[in-house]
Structures are given as structure tokens and as C-alpha cells.
Amino acid sequence: GEGVARWRRAQRGLTRLLSRDVRRLRRLILPQRLQESVPDWIVAVRAVVDDYADASVELAADFYDAERVAARVTGRFTVP
């Protein structure tokens, strides 16, 4: 349905933004100082990926909640 299409568009948008932000981090890699600069780049990439993972989880949870409402599922969802 439309909810699924909207969720997929939002996830694709997050993926595009993630790719953009990771590409921008390339400037942290200094060819003349690879051993020193790559570890900092890895830390930065992990932080960006973690941020986008959190956003993706929120999108998925919102989608799931909306689907439950649309299906008239009552009660609180808990992760087993």
C-alpha cells in the first residue's frame, strides 16, 4: 500500500543521505598519513552509520505502528 511505498521512499532517502555524508568523510583520509588518519576516518564513519541506523529504526518503528493502527491491532507491541 501507500504506507509501504512511503516507508521505502524514506529509507531510500536515508540511504542517499548516508552515502553523501560518508563520501564527505573521505577528506579525513590523508594519503601522506594513512596509518594516522584512517583510524579517525573509521571512527567518524561508524558514528555517521550509527546515526543513520537510529533514524532508520525510528522510521521502521513509526511505519510498524501506523500499520498496526490501520489494521486495528490493539495493545502495546513489545519485542520478545
PDB file of N, CA and C in Angstrom:
ATOM      1  N   GLY A   1       0.807  -1.188   0.000  1.00  0.00           N
ATOM      2  CA  GLY A   1       0.000   0.000   0.000  1.00  0.00           C
ATOM      3  C   GLY A   1       0.852   1.255   0.000  1.00  0.00           C
ATOM      4  N   GLU A   2       0.161   2.354   0.133  1.00  0.00           N
ATOM      5  CA  GLU A   2       0.846   3.654   0.132  1.00  0.00           C
ATOM      6  C   GLU A   2       1.800   3.788   1.312  1.00  0.00           C
ATOM      7  N   GLY A   3       1.436   3.211   2.454  1.00  0.00           N
ATOM      8  CA  GLY A   3       2.324   3.283   3.616  1.00  0.00           C
ATOM      9  C   GLY A   3       3.660   2.621   3.358  1.00  0.00           C
ATOM     10  N   VAL A   4       3.633   1.474   2.704  1.00  0.00           N
ATOM     11  CA  VAL A   4       4.875   0.762   2.382  1.00  0.00           C
ATOM     12  C   VAL A   4       5.700   1.584   1.406  1.00  0.00           C
ATOM     13  N   ALA A   5       5.055   2.138   0.386  1.00  0.00           N
ATOM     14  CA  ALA A   5       5.774   2.946  -0.605  1.00  0.00           C
ATOM     15  C   ALA A   5       6.411   4.167   0.057  1.00  0.00           C
ATOM     16  N   ARG A   6       5.683   4.812   0.952  1.00  0.00           N
ATOM     17  CA  ARG A   6       6.214   5.984   1.655  1.00  0.00           C
ATOM     18  C   ARG A   6       7.410   5.588   2.521  1.00  0.00           C
ATOM     19  N   TRP A   7       7.295   4.464   3.220  1.00  0.00           N
ATOM     20  CA  TRP A   7       8.399   3.996   4.068  1.00  0.00           C
ATOM     21  C   TRP A   7       9.630   3.686   3.221  1.00  0.00           C
ATOM     22  N   ARG A   8       9.434   3.019   2.083  1.00  0.00           N
ATOM     23  CA  ARG A   8      10.565   2.700   1.205  1.00  0.00           C
ATOM     24  C   ARG A   8      11.220   3.964   0.660  1.00  0.00           C
ATOM     25  N   ARG A   9      10.427   4.954   0.287  1.00  0.00           N
ATOM     26  CA  ARG A   9      10.996   6.223  -0.189  1.00  0.00           C
ATOM     27  C   ARG A   9      11.816   6.884   0.917  1.00  0.00           C
ATOM     28  N   ALA A  10      11.295   6.859   2.115  1.00  0.00           N
ATOM     29  CA  ALA A  10      12.024   7.453   3.241  1.00  0.00           C
ATOM     30  C   ALA A  10      13.330   6.716   3.490  1.00  0.00           C
ATOM     31  N   GLN A  11      13.300   5.393   3.425  1.00  0.00           N
ATOM     32  CA  GLN A  11      14.526   4.612   3.629  1.00  0.00           C
ATOM     33  C   GLN A  11      15.539   4.890   2.515  1.00  0.00           C
ATOM     34  N   ARG A  12      15.051   5.003   1.269  1.00  0.00           N
ATOM     35  CA  ARG A  12      15.960   5.339   0.159  1.00  0.00           C
ATOM     36  C   ARG A  12      16.569   6.719   0.373  1.00  0.00           C
ATOM     37  N   GLY A  13      15.764   7.641   0.858  1.00  0.00           N
ATOM     38  CA  GLY A  13      16.279   8.974   1.156  1.00  0.00           C
ATOM     39  C   GLY A  13      17.365   8.934   2.213  1.00  0.00           C
ATOM     40  N   LEU A  14      17.146   8.153   3.254  1.00  0.00           N
ATOM     41  CA  LEU A  14      18.182   8.000   4.281  1.00  0.00           C
ATOM     42  C   LEU A  14      19.452   7.402   3.695  1.00  0.00           C
ATOM     43  N   THR A  15      19.303   6.426   2.817  1.00  0.00           N
ATOM     44  CA  THR A  15      20.470   5.794   2.198  1.00  0.00           C
ATOM     45  C   THR A  15      21.254   6.809   1.375  1.00  0.00           C
ATOM     46  N   ARG A  16      20.544   7.653   0.625  1.00  0.00           N
ATOM     47  CA  ARG A  16      21.229   8.688  -0.160  1.00  0.00           C
ATOM     48  C   ARG A  16      21.977   9.651   0.750  1.00  0.00           C
ATOM     49  N   LEU A  17      21.335  10.071   1.830  1.00  0.00           N
ATOM     50  CA  LEU A  17      21.988  10.990   2.758  1.00  0.00           C
ATOM     51  C   LEU A  17      23.186  10.340   3.442  1.00  0.00           C
ATOM     52  N   LEU A  18      23.045   9.074   3.812  1.00  0.00           N
ATOM     53  CA  LEU A  18      24.163   8.345   4.408  1.00  0.00           C
ATOM     54  C   LEU A  18      25.339   8.301   3.443  1.00  0.00           C
ATOM     55  N   SER A  19      25.078   7.957   2.196  1.00  0.00           N
ATOM     56  CA  SER A  19      26.146   7.892   1.193  1.00  0.00           C
ATOM     57  C   SER A  19      26.825   9.245   1.040  1.00  0.00           C
ATOM     58  N   ARG A  20      26.022  10.297   0.977  1.00  0.00           N
ATOM     59  CA  ARG A  20      26.576  11.649   0.858  1.00  0.00           C
ATOM     60  C   ARG A  20      27.489  11.968   2.040  1.00  0.00           C
ATOM     61  N   ASP A  21      27.013  11.688   3.256  1.00  0.00           N
ATOM     62  CA  ASP A  21      27.788  12.031   4.441  1.00  0.00           C
ATOM     63  C   ASP A  21      29.059  11.195   4.562  1.00  0.00           C
ATOM     64  N   VAL A  22      28.993   9.930   4.179  1.00  0.00           N
ATOM     65  CA  VAL A  22      30.197   9.088   4.225  1.00  0.00           C
ATOM     66  C   VAL A  22      31.207   9.571   3.181  1.00  0.00           C
ATOM     67  N   ARG A  23      30.724   9.950   1.993  1.00  0.00           N
ATOM     68  CA  ARG A  23      31.641  10.481   0.967  1.00  0.00           C
ATOM     69  C   ARG A  23      32.367  11.721   1.478  1.00  0.00           C
ATOM     70  N   ARG A  24      31.660  12.561   2.199  1.00  0.00           N
ATOM     71  CA  ARG A  24      32.280  13.787   2.730  1.00  0.00           C
ATOM     72  C   ARG A  24      33.389  13.480   3.728  1.00  0.00           C
ATOM     73  N   LEU A  25      33.324  12.325   4.342  1.00  0.00           N
ATOM     74  CA  LEU A  25      34.346  11.962   5.329  1.00  0.00           C
ATOM     75  C   LEU A  25      35.671  11.562   4.688  1.00  0.00           C
ATOM     76  N   ARG A  26      35.668  11.366   3.382  1.00  0.00           N
ATOM     77  CA  ARG A  26      36.917  10.990   2.707  1.00  0.00           C
ATOM     78  C   ARG A  26      38.028  11.997   2.967  1.00  0.00           C
ATOM     79  N   ARG A  27      37.642  13.245   3.179  1.00  0.00           N
ATOM     80  CA  ARG A  27      38.653  14.285   3.417  1.00  0.00           C
ATOM     81  C   ARG A  27      39.488  13.999   4.664  1.00  0.00           C
ATOM     82  N   LEU A  28      38.980  13.152   5.542  1.00  0.00           N
ATOM     83  CA  LEU A  28      39.727  12.799   6.751  1.00  0.00           C
ATOM     84  C   LEU A  28      40.898  11.872   6.463  1.00  0.00           C
ATOM     85  N   ILE A  29      40.852  11.199   5.319  1.00  0.00           N
ATOM     86  CA  ILE A  29      41.940  10.283   4.959  1.00  0.00           C
ATOM     87  C   ILE A  29      43.035  11.082   4.269  1.00  0.00           C
ATOM     88  N   LEU A  30      44.185  11.093   4.875  1.00  0.00           N
ATOM     89  CA  LEU A  30      45.331  11.815   4.330  1.00  0.00           C
ATOM     90  C   LEU A  30      46.316  10.800   3.757  1.00  0.00           C
ATOM     91  N   PRO A  31      46.485  10.785   2.434  1.00  0.00           N
ATOM     92  CA  PRO A  31      47.366   9.785   1.813  1.00  0.00           C
ATOM     93  C   PRO A  31      48.776   9.779   2.401  1.00  0.00           C
ATOM     94  N   GLN A  32      49.272  10.940   2.770  1.00  0.00           N
ATOM     95  CA  GLN A  32      50.627  11.019   3.323  1.00  0.00           C
ATOM     96  C   GLN A  32      50.692  10.547   4.780  1.00  0.00           C
ATOM     97  N   ARG A  33      49.516  10.336   5.387  1.00  0.00           N
ATOM     98  CA  ARG A  33      49.460   9.896   6.789  1.00  0.00           C
ATOM     99  C   ARG A  33      48.380   8.841   6.969  1.00  0.00           C
ATOM    100  N   LEU A  34      48.415   7.812   6.143  1.00  0.00           N
ATOM    101  CA  LEU A  34      47.360   6.800   6.176  1.00  0.00           C
ATOM    102  C   LEU A  34      47.218   6.131   7.538  1.00  0.00           C
ATOM    103  N   GLN A  35      48.324   5.713   8.114  1.00  0.00           N
ATOM    104  CA  GLN A  35      48.231   4.982   9.386  1.00  0.00           C
ATOM    105  C   GLN A  35      47.631   5.832  10.497  1.00  0.00           C
ATOM    106  N   GLU A  36      47.864   7.130  10.451  1.00  0.00           N
ATOM    107  CA  GLU A  36      47.311   8.012  11.474  1.00  0.00           C
ATOM    108  C   GLU A  36      45.885   8.452  11.151  1.00  0.00           C
ATOM    109  N   SER A  37      45.583   8.644   9.879  1.00  0.00           N
ATOM    110  CA  SER A  37      44.285   9.234   9.526  1.00  0.00           C
ATOM    111  C   SER A  37      43.163   8.211   9.339  1.00  0.00           C
ATOM    112  N   VAL A  38      43.484   7.006   8.909  1.00  0.00           N
ATOM    113  CA  VAL A  38      42.428   6.020   8.663  1.00  0.00           C
ATOM    114  C   VAL A  38      41.676   5.641   9.948  1.00  0.00           C
ATOM    115  N   PRO A  39      42.344   5.449  11.079  1.00  0.00           N
ATOM    116  CA  PRO A  39      41.575   5.143  12.293  1.00  0.00           C
ATOM    117  C   PRO A  39      40.561   6.241  12.653  1.00  0.00           C
ATOM    118  N   ASP A  40      40.937   7.509  12.466  1.00  0.00           N
ATOM    119  CA  ASP A  40      39.990   8.603  12.722  1.00  0.00           C
ATOM    120  C   ASP A  40      38.821   8.539  11.746  1.00  0.00           C
ATOM    121  N   TRP A  41      39.107   8.205  10.496  1.00  0.00           N
ATOM    122  CA  TRP A  41      38.058   8.066   9.483  1.00  0.00           C
ATOM    123  C   TRP A  41      37.092   6.945   9.874  1.00  0.00           C
ATOM    124  N   ILE A  42      37.637   5.827  10.339  1.00  0.00           N
ATOM    125  CA  ILE A  42      36.798   4.692  10.741  1.00  0.00           C
ATOM    126  C   ILE A  42      35.869   5.096  11.883  1.00  0.00           C
ATOM    127  N   VAL A  43      36.393   5.801  12.863  1.00  0.00           N
ATOM    128  CA  VAL A  43      35.572   6.264  13.986  1.00  0.00           C
ATOM    129  C   VAL A  43      34.458   7.180  13.481  1.00  0.00           C
ATOM    130  N   ALA A  44      34.799   8.085  12.575  1.00  0.00           N
ATOM    131  CA  ALA A  44      33.804   9.018  12.032  1.00  0.00           C
ATOM    132  C   ALA A  44      32.738   8.280  11.226  1.00  0.00           C
ATOM    133  N   VAL A  45      33.157   7.321  10.408  1.00  0.00           N
ATOM    134  CA  VAL A  45      32.194   6.555   9.610  1.00  0.00           C
ATOM    135  C   VAL A  45      31.259   5.768  10.526  1.00  0.00           C
ATOM    136  N   ARG A  46      31.804   5.153  11.539  1.00  0.00           N
ATOM    137  CA  ARG A  46      30.960   4.398  12.482  1.00  0.00           C
ATOM    138  C   ARG A  46      29.920   5.299  13.135  1.00  0.00           C
ATOM    139  N   ALA A  47      30.331   6.508  13.511  1.00  0.00           N
ATOM    140  CA  ALA A  47      29.398   7.438  14.154  1.00  0.00           C
ATOM    141  C   ALA A  47      28.277   7.837  13.195  1.00  0.00           C
ATOM    142  N   VAL A  48      28.632   8.123  11.941  1.00  0.00           N
ATOM    143  CA  VAL A  48      27.622   8.507  10.951  1.00  0.00           C
ATOM    144  C   VAL A  48      26.679   7.335  10.686  1.00  0.00           C
ATOM    145  N   VAL A  49      27.232   6.144  10.520  1.00  0.00           N
ATOM    146  CA  VAL A  49      26.397   4.964  10.270  1.00  0.00           C
ATOM    147  C   VAL A  49      25.473   4.712  11.462  1.00  0.00           C
ATOM    148  N   ASP A  50      25.982   4.863  12.660  1.00  0.00           N
ATOM    149  CA  ASP A  50      25.142   4.681  13.853  1.00  0.00           C
ATOM    150  C   ASP A  50      23.984   5.681  13.874  1.00  0.00           C
ATOM    151  N   ASP A  51      24.269   6.935  13.524  1.00  0.00           N
ATOM    152  CA  ASP A  51      23.210   7.950  13.496  1.00  0.00           C
ATOM    153  C   ASP A  51      22.127   7.585  12.492  1.00  0.00           C
ATOM    154  N   TYR A  52      22.543   7.165  11.304  1.00  0.00           N
ATOM    155  CA  TYR A  52      21.562   6.804  10.285  1.00  0.00           C
ATOM    156  C   TYR A  52      20.835   5.505  10.640  1.00  0.00           C
ATOM    157  N   ALA A  53      21.514   4.612  11.321  1.00  0.00           N
ATOM    158  CA  ALA A  53      20.846   3.387  11.773  1.00  0.00           C
ATOM    159  C   ALA A  53      19.733   3.737  12.756  1.00  0.00           C
ATOM    160  N   ASP A  54      20.024   4.662  13.665  1.00  0.00           N
ATOM    161  CA  ASP A  54      18.994   5.100  14.616  1.00  0.00           C
ATOM    162  C   ASP A  54      17.799   5.712  13.887  1.00  0.00           C
ATOM    163  N   ALA A  55      18.079   6.546  12.889  1.00  0.00           N
ATOM    164  CA  ALA A  55      16.993   7.165  12.119  1.00  0.00           C
ATOM    165  C   ALA A  55      16.182   6.105  11.381  1.00  0.00           C
ATOM    166  N   SER A  56      16.863   5.107  10.844  1.00  0.00           N
ATOM    167  CA  SER A  56      16.181   4.032  10.126  1.00  0.00           C
ATOM    168  C   SER A  56      15.291   3.223  11.065  1.00  0.00           C
ATOM    169  N   VAL A  57      15.775   2.971  12.250  1.00  0.00           N
ATOM    170  CA  VAL A  57      14.985   2.244  13.250  1.00  0.00           C
ATOM    171  C   VAL A  57      13.727   3.038  13.601  1.00  0.00           C
ATOM    172  N   GLU A  58      13.880   4.344  13.766  1.00  0.00           N
ATOM    173  CA  GLU A  58      12.712   5.176  14.073  1.00  0.00           C
ATOM    174  C   GLU A  58      11.692   5.140  12.943  1.00  0.00           C
ATOM    175  N   LEU A  59      12.174   5.232  11.703  1.00  0.00           N
ATOM    176  CA  LEU A  59      11.261   5.145  10.554  1.00  0.00           C
ATOM    177  C   LEU A  59      10.517   3.819  10.547  1.00  0.00           C
ATOM    178  N   ALA A  60      11.255   2.743  10.770  1.00  0.00           N
ATOM    179  CA  ALA A  60      10.632   1.418  10.757  1.00  0.00           C
ATOM    180  C   ALA A  60       9.603   1.282  11.877  1.00  0.00           C
ATOM    181  N   ALA A  61       9.936   1.786  13.052  1.00  0.00           N
ATOM    182  CA  ALA A  61       9.002   1.701  14.179  1.00  0.00           C
ATOM    183  C   ALA A  61       7.746   2.525  13.910  1.00  0.00           C
ATOM    184  N   ASP A  62       7.925   3.716  13.349  1.00  0.00           N
ATOM    185  CA  ASP A  62       6.763   4.549  13.014  1.00  0.00           C
ATOM    186  C   ASP A  62       5.889   3.858  11.973  1.00  0.00           C
ATOM    187  N   PHE A  63       6.526   3.259  10.970  1.00  0.00           N
ATOM    188  CA  PHE A  63       5.781   2.535   9.938  1.00  0.00           C
ATOM    189  C   PHE A  63       5.004   1.379  10.567  1.00  0.00           C
ATOM    190  N   TYR A  64       5.673   0.624  11.411  1.00  0.00           N
ATOM    191  CA  TYR A  64       5.030  -0.528  12.043  1.00  0.00           C
ATOM    192  C   TYR A  64       3.842  -0.083  12.896  1.00  0.00           C
ATOM    193  N   ASP A  65       4.045   0.975  13.659  1.00  0.00           N
ATOM    194  CA  ASP A  65       2.940   1.490  14.479  1.00  0.00           C
ATOM    195  C   ASP A  65       1.760   1.911  13.607  1.00  0.00           C
ATOM    196  N   ALA A  66       2.040   2.596  12.509  1.00  0.00           N
ATOM    197  CA  ALA A  66       0.971   3.038  11.607  1.00  0.00           C
ATOM    198  C   ALA A  66       0.246   1.846  10.995  1.00  0.00           C
ATOM    199  N   GLU A  67       0.984   0.810  10.648  1.00  0.00           N
ATOM    200  CA  GLU A  67       0.362  -0.393  10.089  1.00  0.00           C
ATOM    201  C   GLU A  67      -0.522  -1.081  11.126  1.00  0.00           C
ATOM    202  N   ARG A  68      -0.090  -1.096  12.366  1.00  0.00           N
ATOM    203  CA  ARG A  68      -0.901  -1.690  13.439  1.00  0.00           C
ATOM    204  C   ARG A  68      -2.194  -0.907  13.625  1.00  0.00           C
ATOM    205  N   VAL A  69      -2.089   0.417  13.589  1.00  0.00           N
ATOM    206  CA  VAL A  69      -3.288   1.251  13.723  1.00  0.00           C
ATOM    207  C   VAL A  69      -4.230   0.994  12.553  1.00  0.00           C
ATOM    208  N   ALA A  70      -3.680   0.971  11.338  1.00  0.00           N
ATOM    209  CA  ALA A  70      -4.505   0.745  10.147  1.00  0.00           C
ATOM    210  C   ALA A  70      -5.196  -0.615  10.195  1.00  0.00           C
ATOM    211  N   ALA A  71      -4.524  -1.601  10.790  1.00  0.00           N
ATOM    212  CA  ALA A  71      -5.097  -2.947  10.898  1.00  0.00           C
ATOM    213  C   ALA A  71      -5.953  -3.104  12.156  1.00  0.00           C
ATOM    214  N   ARG A  72      -6.069  -2.015  12.911  1.00  0.00           N
ATOM    215  CA  ARG A  72      -6.839  -2.013  14.157  1.00  0.00           C
ATOM    216  C   ARG A  72      -6.331  -3.044  15.167  1.00  0.00           C
ATOM    217  N   VAL A  73      -5.038  -3.184  15.207  1.00  0.00           N
ATOM    218  CA  VAL A  73      -4.420  -4.073  16.193  1.00  0.00           C
ATOM    219  C   VAL A  73      -4.308  -3.287  17.492  1.00  0.00           C
ATOM    220  N   THR A  74      -4.807  -3.858  18.550  1.00  0.00           N
ATOM    221  CA  THR A  74      -4.775  -3.173  19.840  1.00  0.00           C
ATOM    222  C   THR A  74      -3.656  -3.729  20.701  1.00  0.00           C
ATOM    223  N   GLY A  75      -3.414  -3.042  21.771  1.00  0.00           N
ATOM    224  CA  GLY A  75      -2.378  -3.482  22.694  1.00  0.00           C
ATOM    225  C   GLY A  75      -1.041  -2.879  22.324  1.00  0.00           C
ATOM    226  N   ARG A  76      -0.146  -3.045  23.220  1.00  0.00           N
ATOM    227  CA  ARG A  76       1.184  -2.484  23.037  1.00  0.00           C
ATOM    228  C   ARG A  76       2.105  -3.533  22.445  1.00  0.00           C
ATOM    229  N   PHE A  77       2.888  -3.112  21.461  1.00  0.00           N
ATOM    230  CA  PHE A  77       3.869  -4.009  20.866  1.00  0.00           C
ATOM    231  C   PHE A  77       5.095  -4.065  21.759  1.00  0.00           C
ATOM    232  N   THR A  78       5.571  -5.268  22.009  1.00  0.00           N
ATOM    233  CA  THR A  78       6.823  -5.449  22.738  1.00  0.00           C
ATOM    234  C   THR A  78       7.695  -6.410  21.961  1.00  0.00           C
ATOM    235  N   VAL A  79       8.972  -6.192  22.057  1.00  0.00           N
ATOM    236  CA  VAL A  79       9.927  -7.073  21.393  1.00  0.00           C
ATOM    237  C   VAL A  79      10.122  -8.298  22.269  1.00  0.00           C
ATOM    238  N   PRO A  80       9.944  -9.486  21.695  1.00  0.00           N
ATOM    239  CA  PRO A  80      10.091 -10.703  22.510  1.00  0.00           C
ATOM    240  C   PRO A  80      11.522 -10.921  22.959  1.00  0.00           C
TER     241      PRO A  80
END
